[in-house]
PDB file of all heavy atoms in Angstrom:
ATOM      1  N   GLY A   1     -31.866  34.101  29.685  1.00  0.00           N
ATOM      2  CA  GLY A   1     -30.796  34.217  30.656  1.00  0.00           C
ATOM      3  C   GLY A   1     -29.470  34.371  29.931  1.00  0.00           C
ATOM      4  O   GLY A   1     -29.432  34.425  28.700  1.00  0.00           O
ATOM      5  N   THR A   2     -28.412  34.421  30.702  1.00  0.00           N
ATOM      6  CA  THR A   2     -27.078  34.508  30.112  1.00  0.00           C
ATOM      7  C   THR A   2     -26.725  33.169  29.474  1.00  0.00           C
ATOM      8  O   THR A   2     -27.381  32.149  29.739  1.00  0.00           O
ATOM      9  CB  THR A   2     -26.026  34.848  31.175  1.00  0.00           C
ATOM     10  OG1 THR A   2     -25.926  33.739  32.089  1.00  0.00           O
ATOM     11  CG2 THR A   2     -26.377  36.134  31.935  1.00  0.00           C
ATOM     12  N   ASP A   3     -25.690  33.161  28.666  1.00  0.00           N
ATOM     13  CA  ASP A   3     -25.247  31.902  28.062  1.00  0.00           C
ATOM     14  C   ASP A   3     -24.893  30.883  29.140  1.00  0.00           C
ATOM     15  O   ASP A   3     -25.215  29.702  29.021  1.00  0.00           O
ATOM     16  CB  ASP A   3     -24.045  32.127  27.137  1.00  0.00           C
ATOM     17  CG  ASP A   3     -24.420  32.855  25.855  1.00  0.00           C
ATOM     18  OD1 ASP A   3     -25.623  32.893  25.512  1.00  0.00           O
ATOM     19  OD2 ASP A   3     -23.505  33.376  25.186  1.00  0.00           O
ATOM     20  N   PHE A   4     -24.222  31.338  30.208  1.00  0.00           N
ATOM     21  CA  PHE A   4     -23.855  30.424  31.295  1.00  0.00           C
ATOM     22  C   PHE A   4     -25.105  29.861  31.971  1.00  0.00           C
ATOM     23  O   PHE A   4     -25.199  28.654  32.213  1.00  0.00           O
ATOM     24  CB  PHE A   4     -22.962  31.139  32.322  1.00  0.00           C
ATOM     25  CG  PHE A   4     -22.573  30.253  33.479  1.00  0.00           C
ATOM     26  CD1 PHE A   4     -21.618  29.271  33.325  1.00  0.00           C
ATOM     27  CD2 PHE A   4     -23.181  30.403  34.718  1.00  0.00           C
ATOM     28  CE1 PHE A   4     -21.261  28.442  34.377  1.00  0.00           C
ATOM     29  CE2 PHE A   4     -22.840  29.582  35.779  1.00  0.00           C
ATOM     30  CZ  PHE A   4     -21.868  28.601  35.613  1.00  0.00           C
ATOM     31  N   GLN A   5     -26.068  30.717  32.282  1.00  0.00           N
ATOM     32  CA  GLN A   5     -27.304  30.250  32.916  1.00  0.00           C
ATOM     33  C   GLN A   5     -28.002  29.219  32.030  1.00  0.00           C
ATOM     34  O   GLN A   5     -28.431  28.173  32.521  1.00  0.00           O
ATOM     35  CB  GLN A   5     -28.252  31.419  33.186  1.00  0.00           C
ATOM     36  CG  GLN A   5     -27.807  32.318  34.305  1.00  0.00           C
ATOM     37  CD  GLN A   5     -28.642  33.573  34.394  1.00  0.00           C
ATOM     38  OE1 GLN A   5     -29.151  34.094  33.395  1.00  0.00           O
ATOM     39  NE2 GLN A   5     -28.787  34.089  35.613  1.00  0.00           N
ATOM     40  N   LYS A   6     -28.096  29.496  30.747  1.00  0.00           N
ATOM     41  CA  LYS A   6     -28.755  28.566  29.831  1.00  0.00           C
ATOM     42  C   LYS A   6     -28.021  27.227  29.791  1.00  0.00           C
ATOM     43  O   LYS A   6     -28.661  26.173  29.723  1.00  0.00           O
ATOM     44  CB  LYS A   6     -28.851  29.167  28.433  1.00  0.00           C
ATOM     45  CG  LYS A   6     -29.854  30.302  28.335  1.00  0.00           C
ATOM     46  CD  LYS A   6     -29.869  30.890  26.935  1.00  0.00           C
ATOM     47  CE  LYS A   6     -30.811  32.059  26.838  1.00  0.00           C
ATOM     48  NZ  LYS A   6     -30.803  32.647  25.490  1.00  0.00           N
ATOM     49  N   ARG A   7     -26.691  27.259  29.844  1.00  0.00           N
ATOM     50  CA  ARG A   7     -25.919  26.014  29.864  1.00  0.00           C
ATOM     51  C   ARG A   7     -26.200  25.229  31.148  1.00  0.00           C
ATOM     52  O   ARG A   7     -26.385  24.018  31.124  1.00  0.00           O
ATOM     53  CB  ARG A   7     -24.425  26.334  29.715  1.00  0.00           C
ATOM     54  CG  ARG A   7     -23.569  25.144  29.439  1.00  0.00           C
ATOM     55  CD  ARG A   7     -22.158  25.499  28.962  1.00  0.00           C
ATOM     56  NE  ARG A   7     -21.442  26.438  29.797  1.00  0.00           N
ATOM     57  CZ  ARG A   7     -21.125  27.695  29.461  1.00  0.00           C
ATOM     58  NH1 ARG A   7     -21.499  28.181  28.292  1.00  0.00           N
ATOM     59  NH2 ARG A   7     -20.468  28.477  30.288  1.00  0.00           N
ATOM     60  N   VAL A   8     -26.252  25.922  32.268  1.00  0.00           N
ATOM     61  CA  VAL A   8     -26.564  25.272  33.553  1.00  0.00           C
ATOM     62  C   VAL A   8     -27.962  24.680  33.493  1.00  0.00           C
ATOM     63  O   VAL A   8     -28.173  23.522  33.870  1.00  0.00           O
ATOM     64  CB  VAL A   8     -26.430  26.274  34.730  1.00  0.00           C
ATOM     65  CG1 VAL A   8     -27.008  25.688  36.014  1.00  0.00           C
ATOM     66  CG2 VAL A   8     -24.974  26.677  34.926  1.00  0.00           C
ATOM     67  N   TRP A   9     -28.935  25.428  33.006  1.00  0.00           N
ATOM     68  CA  TRP A   9     -30.316  24.942  32.949  1.00  0.00           C
ATOM     69  C   TRP A   9     -30.453  23.746  32.017  1.00  0.00           C
ATOM     70  O   TRP A   9     -31.194  22.805  32.304  1.00  0.00           O
ATOM     71  CB  TRP A   9     -31.262  26.067  32.546  1.00  0.00           C
ATOM     72  CG  TRP A   9     -31.261  27.234  33.505  1.00  0.00           C
ATOM     73  CD1 TRP A   9     -30.954  27.197  34.847  1.00  0.00           C
ATOM     74  CD2 TRP A   9     -31.543  28.590  33.216  1.00  0.00           C
ATOM     75  NE1 TRP A   9     -31.036  28.454  35.393  1.00  0.00           N
ATOM     76  CE2 TRP A   9     -31.405  29.342  34.412  1.00  0.00           C
ATOM     77  CE3 TRP A   9     -31.904  29.266  32.052  1.00  0.00           C
ATOM     78  CZ2 TRP A   9     -31.615  30.711  34.484  1.00  0.00           C
ATOM     79  CZ3 TRP A   9     -32.123  30.641  32.122  1.00  0.00           C
ATOM     80  CH2 TRP A   9     -31.979  31.344  33.328  1.00  0.00           C
ATOM     81  N   LEU A  10     -29.705  23.756  30.914  1.00  0.00           N
ATOM     82  CA  LEU A  10     -29.705  22.614  30.003  1.00  0.00           C
ATOM     83  C   LEU A  10     -29.167  21.381  30.723  1.00  0.00           C
ATOM     84  O   LEU A  10     -29.733  20.287  30.621  1.00  0.00           O
ATOM     85  CB  LEU A  10     -28.872  22.920  28.757  1.00  0.00           C
ATOM     86  CG  LEU A  10     -28.726  21.773  27.770  1.00  0.00           C
ATOM     87  CD1 LEU A  10     -30.073  21.420  27.141  1.00  0.00           C
ATOM     88  CD2 LEU A  10     -27.718  22.143  26.675  1.00  0.00           C
ATOM     89  N   ASN A  11     -28.100  21.566  31.498  1.00  0.00           N
ATOM     90  CA  ASN A  11     -27.526  20.436  32.231  1.00  0.00           C
ATOM     91  C   ASN A  11     -28.428  19.972  33.367  1.00  0.00           C
ATOM     92  O   ASN A  11     -28.463  18.775  33.679  1.00  0.00           O
ATOM     93  CB  ASN A  11     -26.120  20.778  32.727  1.00  0.00           C
ATOM     94  CG  ASN A  11     -25.126  20.800  31.590  1.00  0.00           C
ATOM     95  OD1 ASN A  11     -25.158  19.947  30.711  1.00  0.00           O
ATOM     96  ND2 ASN A  11     -24.249  21.783  31.579  1.00  0.00           N
ATOM     97  N   LEU A  12     -29.168  20.877  33.969  1.00  0.00           N
ATOM     98  CA  LEU A  12     -30.159  20.471  34.978  1.00  0.00           C
ATOM     99  C   LEU A  12     -31.171  19.508  34.361  1.00  0.00           C
ATOM    100  O   LEU A  12     -31.580  18.534  34.988  1.00  0.00           O
ATOM    101  CB  LEU A  12     -30.914  21.688  35.528  1.00  0.00           C
ATOM    102  CG  LEU A  12     -30.190  22.593  36.501  1.00  0.00           C
ATOM    103  CD1 LEU A  12     -31.018  23.845  36.750  1.00  0.00           C
ATOM    104  CD2 LEU A  12     -29.891  21.869  37.791  1.00  0.00           C
ATOM    105  N   SER A  13     -31.551  19.794  33.140  1.00  0.00           N
ATOM    106  CA  SER A  13     -32.544  18.963  32.454  1.00  0.00           C
ATOM    107  C   SER A  13     -32.045  17.557  32.177  1.00  0.00           C
ATOM    108  O   SER A  13     -32.842  16.666  31.888  1.00  0.00           O
ATOM    109  CB  SER A  13     -32.959  19.629  31.138  1.00  0.00           C
ATOM    110  OG  SER A  13     -33.568  20.864  31.407  1.00  0.00           O
ATOM    111  N   LYS A  14     -30.749  17.345  32.279  1.00  0.00           N
ATOM    112  CA  LYS A  14     -30.169  16.025  32.029  1.00  0.00           C
ATOM    113  C   LYS A  14     -30.103  15.154  33.281  1.00  0.00           C
ATOM    114  O   LYS A  14     -29.773  13.974  33.200  1.00  0.00           O
ATOM    115  CB  LYS A  14     -28.759  16.177  31.453  1.00  0.00           C
ATOM    116  CG  LYS A  14     -28.744  16.856  30.098  1.00  0.00           C
ATOM    117  CD  LYS A  14     -27.315  17.070  29.612  1.00  0.00           C
ATOM    118  CE  LYS A  14     -27.300  17.824  28.291  1.00  0.00           C
ATOM    119  NZ  LYS A  14     -25.921  18.119  27.847  1.00  0.00           N
ATOM    120  N   ILE A  15     -30.400  15.727  34.445  1.00  0.00           N
ATOM    121  CA  ILE A  15     -30.365  14.948  35.690  1.00  0.00           C
ATOM    122  C   ILE A  15     -31.583  14.034  35.705  1.00  0.00           C
ATOM    123  O   ILE A  15     -32.718  14.513  35.662  1.00  0.00           O
ATOM    124  CB  ILE A  15     -30.371  15.855  36.940  1.00  0.00           C
ATOM    125  CG1 ILE A  15     -29.230  16.872  36.881  1.00  0.00           C
ATOM    126  CG2 ILE A  15     -30.261  14.993  38.208  1.00  0.00           C
ATOM    127  CD1 ILE A  15     -29.335  17.964  37.937  1.00  0.00           C
ATOM    128  N   PRO A  16     -31.372  12.724  35.771  1.00  0.00           N
ATOM    129  CA  PRO A  16     -32.509  11.797  35.721  1.00  0.00           C
ATOM    130  C   PRO A  16     -33.459  11.950  36.914  1.00  0.00           C
ATOM    131  O   PRO A  16     -33.059  12.297  38.023  1.00  0.00           O
ATOM    132  CB  PRO A  16     -31.846  10.413  35.745  1.00  0.00           C
ATOM    133  CG  PRO A  16     -30.446  10.644  35.288  1.00  0.00           C
ATOM    134  CD  PRO A  16     -30.088  12.021  35.783  1.00  0.00           C
ATOM    135  N   TYR A  17     -34.711  11.663  36.654  1.00  0.00           N
ATOM    136  CA  TYR A  17     -35.769  11.640  37.670  1.00  0.00           C
ATOM    137  C   TYR A  17     -35.321  10.770  38.836  1.00  0.00           C
ATOM    138  O   TYR A  17     -34.815   9.658  38.651  1.00  0.00           O
ATOM    139  CB  TYR A  17     -37.029  11.059  37.031  1.00  0.00           C
ATOM    140  CG  TYR A  17     -38.239  10.982  37.922  1.00  0.00           C
ATOM    141  CD1 TYR A  17     -39.151  12.020  37.965  1.00  0.00           C
ATOM    142  CD2 TYR A  17     -38.495   9.856  38.702  1.00  0.00           C
ATOM    143  CE1 TYR A  17     -40.289  11.949  38.754  1.00  0.00           C
ATOM    144  CE2 TYR A  17     -39.627   9.779  39.500  1.00  0.00           C
ATOM    145  CZ  TYR A  17     -40.518  10.836  39.533  1.00  0.00           C
ATOM    146  OH  TYR A  17     -41.639  10.761  40.317  1.00  0.00           O
ATOM    147  N   GLY A  18     -35.476  11.284  40.044  1.00  0.00           N
ATOM    148  CA  GLY A  18     -35.162  10.509  41.239  1.00  0.00           C
ATOM    149  C   GLY A  18     -33.691  10.494  41.611  1.00  0.00           C
ATOM    150  O   GLY A  18     -33.305   9.864  42.585  1.00  0.00           O
ATOM    151  N   GLU A  19     -32.847  11.177  40.852  1.00  0.00           N
ATOM    152  CA  GLU A  19     -31.418  11.219  41.151  1.00  0.00           C
ATOM    153  C   GLU A  19     -31.007  12.632  41.525  1.00  0.00           C
ATOM    154  O   GLU A  19     -31.716  13.596  41.219  1.00  0.00           O
ATOM    155  CB  GLU A  19     -30.604  10.737  39.943  1.00  0.00           C
ATOM    156  CG  GLU A  19     -30.840   9.270  39.625  1.00  0.00           C
ATOM    157  CD  GLU A  19     -29.954   8.768  38.501  1.00  0.00           C
ATOM    158  OE1 GLU A  19     -28.895   9.378  38.231  1.00  0.00           O
ATOM    159  OE2 GLU A  19     -30.329   7.757  37.887  1.00  0.00           O
ATOM    160  N   THR A  20     -29.859  12.750  42.174  1.00  0.00           N
ATOM    161  CA  THR A  20     -29.320  14.057  42.534  1.00  0.00           C
ATOM    162  C   THR A  20     -27.854  14.128  42.123  1.00  0.00           C
ATOM    163  O   THR A  20     -27.194  13.098  41.956  1.00  0.00           O
ATOM    164  CB  THR A  20     -29.413  14.315  44.055  1.00  0.00           C
ATOM    165  OG1 THR A  20     -28.707  13.283  44.763  1.00  0.00           O
ATOM    166  CG2 THR A  20     -30.861  14.361  44.528  1.00  0.00           C
ATOM    167  N   ILE A  21     -27.390  15.345  41.950  1.00  0.00           N
ATOM    168  CA  ILE A  21     -25.967  15.608  41.748  1.00  0.00           C
ATOM    169  C   ILE A  21     -25.594  16.803  42.618  1.00  0.00           C
ATOM    170  O   ILE A  21     -26.473  17.533  43.093  1.00  0.00           O
ATOM    171  CB  ILE A  21     -25.613  15.882  40.270  1.00  0.00           C
ATOM    172  CG1 ILE A  21     -26.260  17.169  39.769  1.00  0.00           C
ATOM    173  CG2 ILE A  21     -25.978  14.691  39.382  1.00  0.00           C
ATOM    174  CD1 ILE A  21     -25.752  17.618  38.392  1.00  0.00           C
ATOM    175  N   SER A  22     -24.309  17.023  42.800  1.00  0.00           N
ATOM    176  CA  SER A  22     -23.851  18.155  43.602  1.00  0.00           C
ATOM    177  C   SER A  22     -23.678  19.389  42.727  1.00  0.00           C
ATOM    178  O   SER A  22     -23.597  19.300  41.493  1.00  0.00           O
ATOM    179  CB  SER A  22     -22.518  17.814  44.278  1.00  0.00           C
ATOM    180  OG  SER A  22     -21.489  17.729  43.302  1.00  0.00           O
ATOM    181  N   TYR A  23     -23.592  20.532  43.382  1.00  0.00           N
ATOM    182  CA  TYR A  23     -23.329  21.770  42.653  1.00  0.00           C
ATOM    183  C   TYR A  23     -21.983  21.665  41.937  1.00  0.00           C
ATOM    184  O   TYR A  23     -21.836  22.154  40.813  1.00  0.00           O
ATOM    185  CB  TYR A  23     -23.329  22.970  43.618  1.00  0.00           C
ATOM    186  CG  TYR A  23     -24.706  23.307  44.121  1.00  0.00           C
ATOM    187  CD1 TYR A  23     -25.168  22.812  45.334  1.00  0.00           C
ATOM    188  CD2 TYR A  23     -25.553  24.122  43.383  1.00  0.00           C
ATOM    189  CE1 TYR A  23     -26.435  23.117  45.789  1.00  0.00           C
ATOM    190  CE2 TYR A  23     -26.828  24.437  43.833  1.00  0.00           C
ATOM    191  CZ  TYR A  23     -27.264  23.926  45.042  1.00  0.00           C
ATOM    192  OH  TYR A  23     -28.518  24.224  45.485  1.00  0.00           O
ATOM    193  N   LYS A  24     -21.017  21.012  42.570  1.00  0.00           N
ATOM    194  CA  LYS A  24     -19.700  20.839  41.950  1.00  0.00           C
ATOM    195  C   LYS A  24     -19.822  20.005  40.669  1.00  0.00           C
ATOM    196  O   LYS A  24     -19.228  20.346  39.644  1.00  0.00           O
ATOM    197  CB  LYS A  24     -18.737  20.170  42.924  1.00  0.00           C
ATOM    198  CG  LYS A  24     -17.360  19.986  42.358  1.00  0.00           C
ATOM    199  CD  LYS A  24     -16.414  19.343  43.350  1.00  0.00           C
ATOM    200  CE  LYS A  24     -15.044  19.200  42.690  1.00  0.00           C
ATOM    201  NZ  LYS A  24     -14.092  18.538  43.535  1.00  0.00           N
ATOM    202  N   GLN A  25     -20.588  18.922  40.722  1.00  0.00           N
ATOM    203  CA  GLN A  25     -20.787  18.094  39.530  1.00  0.00           C
ATOM    204  C   GLN A  25     -21.478  18.887  38.422  1.00  0.00           C
ATOM    205  O   GLN A  25     -21.123  18.771  37.251  1.00  0.00           O
ATOM    206  CB  GLN A  25     -21.608  16.846  39.868  1.00  0.00           C
ATOM    207  CG  GLN A  25     -20.870  15.830  40.709  1.00  0.00           C
ATOM    208  CD  GLN A  25     -21.801  14.730  41.189  1.00  0.00           C
ATOM    209  OE1 GLN A  25     -22.778  14.988  41.888  1.00  0.00           O
ATOM    210  NE2 GLN A  25     -21.496  13.498  40.799  1.00  0.00           N
ATOM    211  N   LEU A  26     -22.447  19.700  38.803  1.00  0.00           N
ATOM    212  CA  LEU A  26     -23.157  20.518  37.821  1.00  0.00           C
ATOM    213  C   LEU A  26     -22.202  21.552  37.215  1.00  0.00           C
ATOM    214  O   LEU A  26     -22.248  21.812  36.014  1.00  0.00           O
ATOM    215  CB  LEU A  26     -24.374  21.194  38.452  1.00  0.00           C
ATOM    216  CG  LEU A  26     -25.254  22.019  37.524  1.00  0.00           C
ATOM    217  CD1 LEU A  26     -25.767  21.200  36.342  1.00  0.00           C
ATOM    218  CD2 LEU A  26     -26.427  22.604  38.310  1.00  0.00           C
ATOM    219  N   ALA A  27     -21.314  22.116  38.034  1.00  0.00           N
ATOM    220  CA  ALA A  27     -20.316  23.061  37.524  1.00  0.00           C
ATOM    221  C   ALA A  27     -19.401  22.363  36.517  1.00  0.00           C
ATOM    222  O   ALA A  27     -19.088  22.920  35.457  1.00  0.00           O
ATOM    223  CB  ALA A  27     -19.504  23.649  38.678  1.00  0.00           C
ATOM    224  N   GLU A  28     -18.994  21.140  36.824  1.00  0.00           N
ATOM    225  CA  GLU A  28     -18.151  20.369  35.898  1.00  0.00           C
ATOM    226  C   GLU A  28     -18.893  20.099  34.597  1.00  0.00           C
ATOM    227  O   GLU A  28     -18.335  20.258  33.505  1.00  0.00           O
ATOM    228  CB  GLU A  28     -17.705  19.061  36.554  1.00  0.00           C
ATOM    229  CG  GLU A  28     -16.712  19.267  37.680  1.00  0.00           C
ATOM    230  CD  GLU A  28     -16.488  18.037  38.544  1.00  0.00           C
ATOM    231  OE1 GLU A  28     -17.177  17.010  38.361  1.00  0.00           O
ATOM    232  OE2 GLU A  28     -15.614  18.114  39.432  1.00  0.00           O
ATOM    233  N   MET A  29     -20.162  19.697  34.691  1.00  0.00           N
ATOM    234  CA  MET A  29     -20.978  19.457  33.491  1.00  0.00           C
ATOM    235  C   MET A  29     -21.124  20.722  32.652  1.00  0.00           C
ATOM    236  O   MET A  29     -21.237  20.646  31.430  1.00  0.00           O
ATOM    237  CB  MET A  29     -22.387  18.970  33.879  1.00  0.00           C
ATOM    238  CG  MET A  29     -22.459  17.580  34.442  1.00  0.00           C
ATOM    239  SD  MET A  29     -24.120  17.201  35.095  1.00  0.00           S
ATOM    240  CE  MET A  29     -25.140  17.297  33.628  1.00  0.00           C
ATOM    241  N   SER A  30     -21.118  21.860  33.325  1.00  0.00           N
ATOM    242  CA  SER A  30     -21.343  23.138  32.651  1.00  0.00           C
ATOM    243  C   SER A  30     -20.049  23.750  32.127  1.00  0.00           C
ATOM    244  O   SER A  30     -20.055  24.875  31.626  1.00  0.00           O
ATOM    245  CB  SER A  30     -22.059  24.109  33.599  1.00  0.00           C
ATOM    246  OG  SER A  30     -23.309  23.563  33.984  1.00  0.00           O
ATOM    247  N   GLY A  31     -18.943  23.022  32.256  1.00  0.00           N
ATOM    248  CA  GLY A  31     -17.687  23.464  31.664  1.00  0.00           C
ATOM    249  C   GLY A  31     -16.800  24.320  32.537  1.00  0.00           C
ATOM    250  O   GLY A  31     -15.784  24.823  32.071  1.00  0.00           O
ATOM    251  N   ASN A  32     -17.152  24.503  33.801  1.00  0.00           N
ATOM    252  CA  ASN A  32     -16.319  25.304  34.692  1.00  0.00           C
ATOM    253  C   ASN A  32     -16.318  24.682  36.084  1.00  0.00           C
ATOM    254  O   ASN A  32     -17.126  25.049  36.933  1.00  0.00           O
ATOM    255  CB  ASN A  32     -16.825  26.749  34.732  1.00  0.00           C
ATOM    256  CG  ASN A  32     -15.835  27.684  35.383  1.00  0.00           C
ATOM    257  OD1 ASN A  32     -14.947  27.257  36.105  1.00  0.00           O
ATOM    258  ND2 ASN A  32     -15.991  28.969  35.133  1.00  0.00           N
ATOM    259  N   PRO A  33     -15.397  23.737  36.340  1.00  0.00           N
ATOM    260  CA  PRO A  33     -15.387  22.988  37.600  1.00  0.00           C
ATOM    261  C   PRO A  33     -15.290  23.843  38.863  1.00  0.00           C
ATOM    262  O   PRO A  33     -15.680  23.403  39.937  1.00  0.00           O
ATOM    263  CB  PRO A  33     -14.163  22.088  37.481  1.00  0.00           C
ATOM    264  CG  PRO A  33     -13.789  22.086  36.049  1.00  0.00           C
ATOM    265  CD  PRO A  33     -14.335  23.339  35.448  1.00  0.00           C
ATOM    266  N   LYS A  34     -14.794  25.066  38.742  1.00  0.00           N
ATOM    267  CA  LYS A  34     -14.634  25.919  39.924  1.00  0.00           C
ATOM    268  C   LYS A  34     -15.803  26.886  40.105  1.00  0.00           C
ATOM    269  O   LYS A  34     -15.748  27.774  40.940  1.00  0.00           O
ATOM    270  CB  LYS A  34     -13.318  26.687  39.819  1.00  0.00           C
ATOM    271  CG  LYS A  34     -12.128  25.744  39.822  1.00  0.00           C
ATOM    272  CD  LYS A  34     -10.832  26.487  39.836  1.00  0.00           C
ATOM    273  CE  LYS A  34      -9.723  25.457  39.738  1.00  0.00           C
ATOM    274  NZ  LYS A  34      -8.547  25.776  40.450  1.00  0.00           N
ATOM    275  N   ALA A  35     -16.857  26.698  39.340  1.00  0.00           N
ATOM    276  CA  ALA A  35     -17.969  27.652  39.355  1.00  0.00           C
ATOM    277  C   ALA A  35     -19.166  27.181  40.173  1.00  0.00           C
ATOM    278  O   ALA A  35     -20.302  27.508  39.852  1.00  0.00           O
ATOM    279  CB  ALA A  35     -18.391  27.955  37.921  1.00  0.00           C
ATOM    280  N   SER A  36     -18.931  26.428  41.239  1.00  0.00           N
ATOM    281  CA  SER A  36     -20.048  25.925  42.046  1.00  0.00           C
ATOM    282  C   SER A  36     -20.953  27.042  42.538  1.00  0.00           C
ATOM    283  O   SER A  36     -22.180  26.915  42.526  1.00  0.00           O
ATOM    284  CB  SER A  36     -19.526  25.127  43.244  1.00  0.00           C
ATOM    285  OG  SER A  36     -18.851  23.984  42.814  1.00  0.00           O
ATOM    286  N   ARG A  37     -20.369  28.129  42.959  1.00  0.00           N
ATOM    287  CA  ARG A  37     -21.160  29.253  43.465  1.00  0.00           C
ATOM    288  C   ARG A  37     -21.985  29.885  42.345  1.00  0.00           C
ATOM    289  O   ARG A  37     -23.161  30.198  42.512  1.00  0.00           O
ATOM    290  CB  ARG A  37     -20.229  30.288  44.103  1.00  0.00           C
ATOM    291  CG  ARG A  37     -20.903  31.181  45.090  1.00  0.00           C
ATOM    292  CD  ARG A  37     -19.868  32.049  45.774  1.00  0.00           C
ATOM    293  NE  ARG A  37     -19.096  31.298  46.744  1.00  0.00           N
ATOM    294  CZ  ARG A  37     -19.174  31.465  48.051  1.00  0.00           C
ATOM    295  NH1 ARG A  37     -19.983  32.354  48.540  1.00  0.00           N
ATOM    296  NH2 ARG A  37     -18.445  30.747  48.874  1.00  0.00           N
ATOM    297  N   ALA A  38     -21.372  30.055  41.179  1.00  0.00           N
ATOM    298  CA  ALA A  38     -22.090  30.623  40.027  1.00  0.00           C
ATOM    299  C   ALA A  38     -23.212  29.685  39.579  1.00  0.00           C
ATOM    300  O   ALA A  38     -24.286  30.139  39.178  1.00  0.00           O
ATOM    301  CB  ALA A  38     -21.120  30.894  38.876  1.00  0.00           C
ATOM    302  N   VAL A  39     -22.969  28.384  39.664  1.00  0.00           N
ATOM    303  CA  VAL A  39     -24.000  27.398  39.333  1.00  0.00           C
ATOM    304  C   VAL A  39     -25.165  27.535  40.301  1.00  0.00           C
ATOM    305  O   VAL A  39     -26.332  27.485  39.901  1.00  0.00           O
ATOM    306  CB  VAL A  39     -23.409  25.971  39.353  1.00  0.00           C
ATOM    307  CG1 VAL A  39     -24.487  24.922  39.469  1.00  0.00           C
ATOM    308  CG2 VAL A  39     -22.570  25.737  38.111  1.00  0.00           C
ATOM    309  N   GLY A  40     -24.860  27.740  41.578  1.00  0.00           N
ATOM    310  CA  GLY A  40     -25.914  27.942  42.571  1.00  0.00           C
ATOM    311  C   GLY A  40     -26.750  29.174  42.260  1.00  0.00           C
ATOM    312  O   GLY A  40     -27.979  29.154  42.384  1.00  0.00           O
ATOM    313  N   LEU A  41     -26.099  30.241  41.829  1.00  0.00           N
ATOM    314  CA  LEU A  41     -26.825  31.462  41.469  1.00  0.00           C
ATOM    315  C   LEU A  41     -27.692  31.236  40.231  1.00  0.00           C
ATOM    316  O   LEU A  41     -28.825  31.710  40.164  1.00  0.00           O
ATOM    317  CB  LEU A  41     -25.842  32.617  41.241  1.00  0.00           C
ATOM    318  CG  LEU A  41     -25.125  33.123  42.491  1.00  0.00           C
ATOM    319  CD1 LEU A  41     -24.036  34.128  42.117  1.00  0.00           C
ATOM    320  CD2 LEU A  41     -26.108  33.735  43.464  1.00  0.00           C
ATOM    321  N   ALA A  42     -27.150  30.502  39.253  1.00  0.00           N
ATOM    322  CA  ALA A  42     -27.940  30.192  38.059  1.00  0.00           C
ATOM    323  C   ALA A  42     -29.141  29.329  38.436  1.00  0.00           C
ATOM    324  O   ALA A  42     -30.245  29.524  37.917  1.00  0.00           O
ATOM    325  CB  ALA A  42     -27.070  29.483  37.018  1.00  0.00           C
ATOM    326  N   ASN A  43     -28.925  28.367  39.334  1.00  0.00           N
ATOM    327  CA  ASN A  43     -30.017  27.522  39.818  1.00  0.00           C
ATOM    328  C   ASN A  43     -31.124  28.384  40.405  1.00  0.00           C
ATOM    329  O   ASN A  43     -32.296  28.167  40.140  1.00  0.00           O
ATOM    330  CB  ASN A  43     -29.489  26.579  40.905  1.00  0.00           C
ATOM    331  CG  ASN A  43     -29.582  25.140  40.538  1.00  0.00           C
ATOM    332  OD1 ASN A  43     -29.768  24.789  39.394  1.00  0.00           O
ATOM    333  ND2 ASN A  43     -29.425  24.296  41.529  1.00  0.00           N
ATOM    334  N   ASN A  44     -30.725  29.345  41.218  1.00  0.00           N
ATOM    335  CA  ASN A  44     -31.684  30.230  41.880  1.00  0.00           C
ATOM    336  C   ASN A  44     -32.490  31.053  40.871  1.00  0.00           C
ATOM    337  O   ASN A  44     -33.630  31.402  41.130  1.00  0.00           O
ATOM    338  CB  ASN A  44     -30.938  31.153  42.844  1.00  0.00           C
ATOM    339  CG  ASN A  44     -31.862  32.001  43.665  1.00  0.00           C
ATOM    340  OD1 ASN A  44     -32.611  32.813  43.135  1.00  0.00           O
ATOM    341  ND2 ASN A  44     -31.809  31.830  44.963  1.00  0.00           N
ATOM    342  N   LYS A  45     -31.914  31.334  39.724  1.00  0.00           N
ATOM    343  CA  LYS A  45     -32.581  32.148  38.699  1.00  0.00           C
ATOM    344  C   LYS A  45     -33.382  31.302  37.709  1.00  0.00           C
ATOM    345  O   LYS A  45     -33.970  31.846  36.775  1.00  0.00           O
ATOM    346  CB  LYS A  45     -31.546  32.968  37.916  1.00  0.00           C
ATOM    347  CG  LYS A  45     -30.757  33.934  38.759  1.00  0.00           C
ATOM    348  CD  LYS A  45     -31.609  35.076  39.209  1.00  0.00           C
ATOM    349  CE  LYS A  45     -30.764  36.098  39.971  1.00  0.00           C
ATOM    350  NZ  LYS A  45     -31.576  37.069  40.647  1.00  0.00           N
TER     351      LYS A  45
END
């Protein structure tokens, strides 16, 4: 995938079993707090 997608997927792997985070939180973890929509697209891929 793209560098951004790989960063998002790496951060997905850090979410503990049984817990959830928001797309906004995942965007923040991925280095771009305003990229919630892009994070959603990366999630889908």
